[in-house]
Protein backbone atom coordinates (compact mmCIF):
# COMPACT_ATOMS: atom_id res chain seq x y z
CA MET A 1 -125.12 1.36 -90.92
CA ARG A 2 -127.82 2.08 -93.52
CA GLY A 3 -127.22 1.43 -97.22
CA GLU A 4 -126.71 5.07 -98.19
CA GLU A 5 -124.41 5.68 -95.25
CA ARG A 6 -122.41 2.56 -96.08
CA GLU A 7 -122.05 3.66 -99.69
CA GLN A 8 -120.85 7.11 -98.63
CA HIS A 9 -118.43 5.51 -96.16
CA ILE A 10 -116.97 3.36 -98.95
CA LEU A 11 -116.76 6.33 -101.31
CA GLU A 12 -114.94 8.55 -98.82
CA GLY A 13 -112.61 5.70 -97.92
CA ALA A 14 -111.93 5.09 -101.61
CA VAL A 15 -110.98 8.73 -102.10
CA ARG A 16 -108.39 8.50 -99.32
CA PHE A 17 -107.20 5.08 -100.49
CA PHE A 18 -106.72 6.03 -104.14
CA ALA A 19 -105.03 9.29 -103.13
CA GLU A 20 -102.41 7.23 -101.29
CA CYS A 21 -102.14 4.20 -103.59
CA GLY A 22 -103.28 5.39 -107.00
CA PHE A 23 -105.87 3.54 -109.03
CA ASP A 24 -103.68 0.43 -109.09
CA GLY A 25 -104.67 -0.05 -105.46
CA GLN A 26 -106.73 -3.20 -104.99
CA THR A 27 -110.30 -3.13 -103.74
CA ARG A 28 -109.49 -6.03 -101.39
CA GLU A 29 -107.00 -3.78 -99.63
CA LEU A 30 -109.57 -0.97 -99.59
CA ALA A 31 -112.10 -3.32 -97.95
CA LYS A 32 -109.51 -4.33 -95.38
CA ARG A 33 -108.81 -0.70 -94.51
CA LEU A 34 -112.50 0.01 -94.17
CA GLY A 35 -113.09 -3.03 -91.99
CA ILE A 36 -115.66 -4.53 -94.36
CA SER A 37 -115.78 -7.57 -96.60
CA HIS A 38 -114.73 -7.30 -100.22
CA ALA A 39 -118.23 -8.29 -101.28
CA VAL A 40 -119.76 -5.29 -99.52
CA ILE A 41 -117.96 -2.91 -101.90
CA TYR A 42 -119.51 -4.66 -104.90
CA ARG A 43 -122.92 -4.56 -103.33
CA HIS A 44 -122.78 -0.78 -103.73
CA PHE A 45 -120.59 -0.43 -106.81
CA ASP A 46 -120.87 -2.74 -109.82
CA SER A 47 -117.14 -2.71 -110.55
CA LYS A 48 -113.89 -1.03 -109.65
CA GLU A 49 -114.41 1.21 -112.69
CA ALA A 50 -117.82 2.26 -111.35
CA LEU A 51 -116.23 3.10 -108.00
CA ILE A 52 -113.53 5.16 -109.73
CA GLU A 53 -116.20 7.02 -111.70
CA ARG A 54 -117.96 7.93 -108.46
CA VAL A 55 -114.65 9.07 -106.99
CA TYR A 56 -114.21 11.31 -110.03
CA GLU A 57 -117.68 12.80 -109.59
CA HIS A 58 -117.15 13.25 -105.85
CA VAL A 59 -113.71 14.83 -106.05
CA TYR A 60 -113.85 16.76 -109.33
CA THR A 61 -117.28 17.28 -110.87
CA SER A 62 -118.97 18.24 -107.61
CA ARG A 63 -116.36 20.90 -106.85
CA TRP A 64 -116.55 22.70 -110.18
CA GLN A 65 -118.41 25.98 -109.73
CA ALA A 66 -120.61 27.10 -112.63
CA GLU A 67 -120.10 30.73 -111.65
CA TRP A 68 -116.40 30.55 -112.52
CA GLN A 69 -117.13 30.76 -116.23
CA ASP A 70 -119.41 33.72 -115.60
CA TRP A 71 -116.57 35.52 -113.85
CA ILE A 72 -114.32 35.11 -116.90
CA ILE A 73 -116.79 36.79 -119.25
CA ASP A 74 -117.89 39.57 -116.87
CA ARG A 75 -116.64 42.67 -118.67
CA SER A 76 -117.40 44.98 -115.77
CA GLN A 77 -113.87 44.15 -114.55
CA PRO A 78 -110.53 44.04 -116.41
CA LEU A 79 -109.64 40.52 -117.49
CA GLU A 80 -106.63 40.50 -115.16
CA ASN A 81 -108.91 41.03 -112.16
CA ARG A 82 -111.27 38.32 -113.38
CA MET A 83 -108.44 35.83 -113.75
CA VAL A 84 -107.06 36.66 -110.30
CA ARG A 85 -110.52 36.09 -108.82
CA PHE A 86 -110.93 32.79 -110.64
CA TYR A 87 -107.52 31.37 -109.77
CA GLN A 88 -107.78 32.36 -106.13
CA ALA A 89 -111.12 30.53 -105.92
CA TYR A 90 -109.80 27.62 -107.96
CA ALA A 91 -106.75 27.21 -105.74
CA ALA A 92 -108.90 27.34 -102.60
CA CYS A 93 -111.01 24.54 -104.06
CA VAL A 94 -108.43 22.14 -105.50
CA PHE A 95 -105.24 22.68 -103.49
CA GLU A 96 -106.01 19.65 -101.37
CA TYR A 97 -104.12 16.39 -100.79
CA GLU A 98 -106.68 13.98 -102.19
CA TRP A 99 -107.66 16.13 -105.18
CA VAL A 100 -104.10 16.62 -106.38
CA ARG A 101 -102.83 13.10 -105.78
CA ILE A 102 -105.82 11.42 -107.44
CA PHE A 103 -105.53 13.77 -110.40
CA ILE A 104 -101.86 12.95 -110.92
CA ALA A 105 -102.35 9.22 -110.32
CA SER A 106 -105.23 9.04 -112.77
CA GLY A 107 -103.01 10.54 -115.46
CA LEU A 108 -100.78 7.47 -115.28
CA ASN A 109 -103.46 4.96 -116.27
CA SER A 110 -106.12 4.54 -118.93
CA TYR A 111 -109.18 5.81 -117.07
CA GLY A 112 -109.12 9.17 -118.91
CA LEU A 113 -110.21 11.25 -115.93
CA PRO A 114 -107.67 14.11 -116.31
CA GLN A 115 -108.53 14.46 -120.00
CA ARG A 116 -112.20 14.85 -119.18
CA TYR A 117 -111.50 17.38 -116.46
CA LEU A 118 -109.03 19.39 -118.52
CA ASP A 119 -111.55 19.54 -121.35
CA ILE A 120 -113.87 21.32 -118.91
CA VAL A 121 -111.07 23.74 -118.00
CA ARG A 122 -110.37 24.36 -121.68
CA THR A 123 -113.94 24.95 -122.83
CA ARG A 124 -115.16 26.90 -119.79
CA ILE A 125 -112.05 28.88 -118.82
CA ILE A 126 -109.21 28.84 -121.35
CA LEU A 127 -111.17 29.45 -124.56
CA PRO A 128 -113.43 32.16 -123.09
CA ALA A 129 -110.37 33.87 -121.58
CA ILE A 130 -108.66 33.95 -124.98
CA ALA A 131 -111.72 35.58 -126.53
CA GLU A 132 -111.87 38.08 -123.65
CA MET A 133 -108.18 38.90 -124.05
CA ARG A 134 -108.67 39.64 -127.74
CA GLN A 135 -111.73 41.76 -127.00
CA GLU A 136 -109.92 43.74 -124.30
CA LEU A 137 -107.01 44.41 -126.67
CA ASN A 138 -109.37 45.40 -129.52
CA LEU A 139 -108.08 42.56 -131.67
CA PRO A 140 -110.25 40.78 -134.23
CA GLN A 141 -111.99 37.67 -132.96
CA HIS A 142 -111.09 34.36 -134.58
CA ALA A 143 -110.79 30.73 -133.63
CA PRO A 144 -108.22 30.43 -130.82
CA GLN A 145 -104.72 29.77 -132.11
CA GLU A 146 -102.61 26.99 -130.66
CA ALA A 147 -100.03 29.50 -129.41
CA GLU A 148 -102.72 31.48 -127.59
CA GLU A 149 -104.01 28.35 -125.88
CA GLU A 150 -100.51 27.38 -124.82
CA LEU A 151 -100.02 30.75 -123.14
CA PHE A 152 -103.13 30.31 -121.02
CA TRP A 153 -102.29 26.67 -120.27
CA ALA A 154 -98.90 27.89 -119.04
CA LEU A 155 -100.72 30.21 -116.62
CA HIS A 156 -102.98 27.40 -115.46
CA GLY A 157 -100.06 25.04 -115.07
CA GLY A 158 -98.03 27.63 -113.18
CA VAL A 159 -100.78 28.03 -110.61
CA PHE A 160 -101.36 24.28 -110.27
CA TYR A 161 -97.65 23.53 -109.99
CA MET A 162 -97.70 24.97 -106.47
CA ALA A 163 -100.09 22.17 -105.51
CA ILE A 164 -97.90 19.57 -107.21
CA ARG A 165 -94.86 20.78 -105.30
CA LYS A 166 -96.76 20.56 -102.03
CA TYR A 167 -98.70 17.31 -102.40
CA ILE A 168 -96.59 15.30 -104.87
CA TYR A 169 -93.01 16.45 -104.27
CA GLU A 170 -93.72 17.37 -100.63
CA THR A 171 -91.57 20.48 -100.80
CA LYS A 172 -92.10 23.81 -99.08
CA VAL A 173 -94.78 26.05 -100.61
CA THR A 174 -95.78 29.48 -99.38
CA ASP A 175 -98.62 29.56 -96.89
CA ASP A 176 -100.03 32.62 -98.64
CA VAL A 177 -101.29 30.86 -101.77
CA GLU A 178 -103.71 33.68 -102.53
CA ALA A 179 -100.88 36.20 -102.82
CA ALA A 180 -98.77 33.79 -104.86
CA VAL A 181 -101.65 33.23 -107.27
CA THR A 182 -102.12 36.99 -107.63
CA ARG A 183 -98.43 37.47 -108.46
CA THR A 184 -98.54 34.65 -111.01
CA VAL A 185 -101.54 36.13 -112.81
CA LYS A 186 -100.07 39.64 -112.74
CA ALA A 187 -96.80 38.36 -114.20
CA PHE A 188 -98.81 36.70 -116.99
CA PHE A 189 -100.59 39.94 -117.82
CA GLY A 190 -97.30 41.82 -117.65
CA GLY A 191 -96.12 40.08 -120.80
CA VAL A 192 -98.79 38.10 -122.61
CA PRO A 193 -100.90 40.99 -123.99
CA ALA A 194 -97.87 42.16 -125.98
CA ILE A 195 -97.54 38.68 -127.46
CA PHE A 196 -101.21 38.73 -128.46
CA ARG A 197 -100.76 42.12 -130.12
CA ALA A 198 -97.69 40.90 -132.00
CA GLY A 199 -99.73 38.00 -133.34
């Protein structure tokens, strides 16, 4: 196996391994599962931390779509429609065993991966959506208030909780995720604009 192929093989194996074992899983056990020596891993990755960073890039950064932010600020459609479109695409991208389990596992240690990812969600989706909500409701623009952010995080969390139920709690979740996402977003817009107007 060539060097690049070996590195990709290790990376893909690490994604599966950390999804099952969390980041406390030992690289010796990973090597054993992959049928390679422990030293081979460190020929391609300088440290366990470097391997975890590559896992983060492979699982999270590479899946983020730049067009999602553009959808949020596209005023040719009502904001509700834009948010439905985004969350349907988002769910299709991240509702996956390895993505969800690595995300949750990484939140239980000091690697800081969820914080970095959620900062992307905040700056590229949550904050623009707040501004778009205020614009759509003809409200004055100002720095997002904590309460406004919490409302949109509740929407985000409500969508993602379906994935947690499926891949962490291993409980029954509807097969029609797209329809469930649509209902969740519509329920949000059924009440939240009135809260924005009330200030």
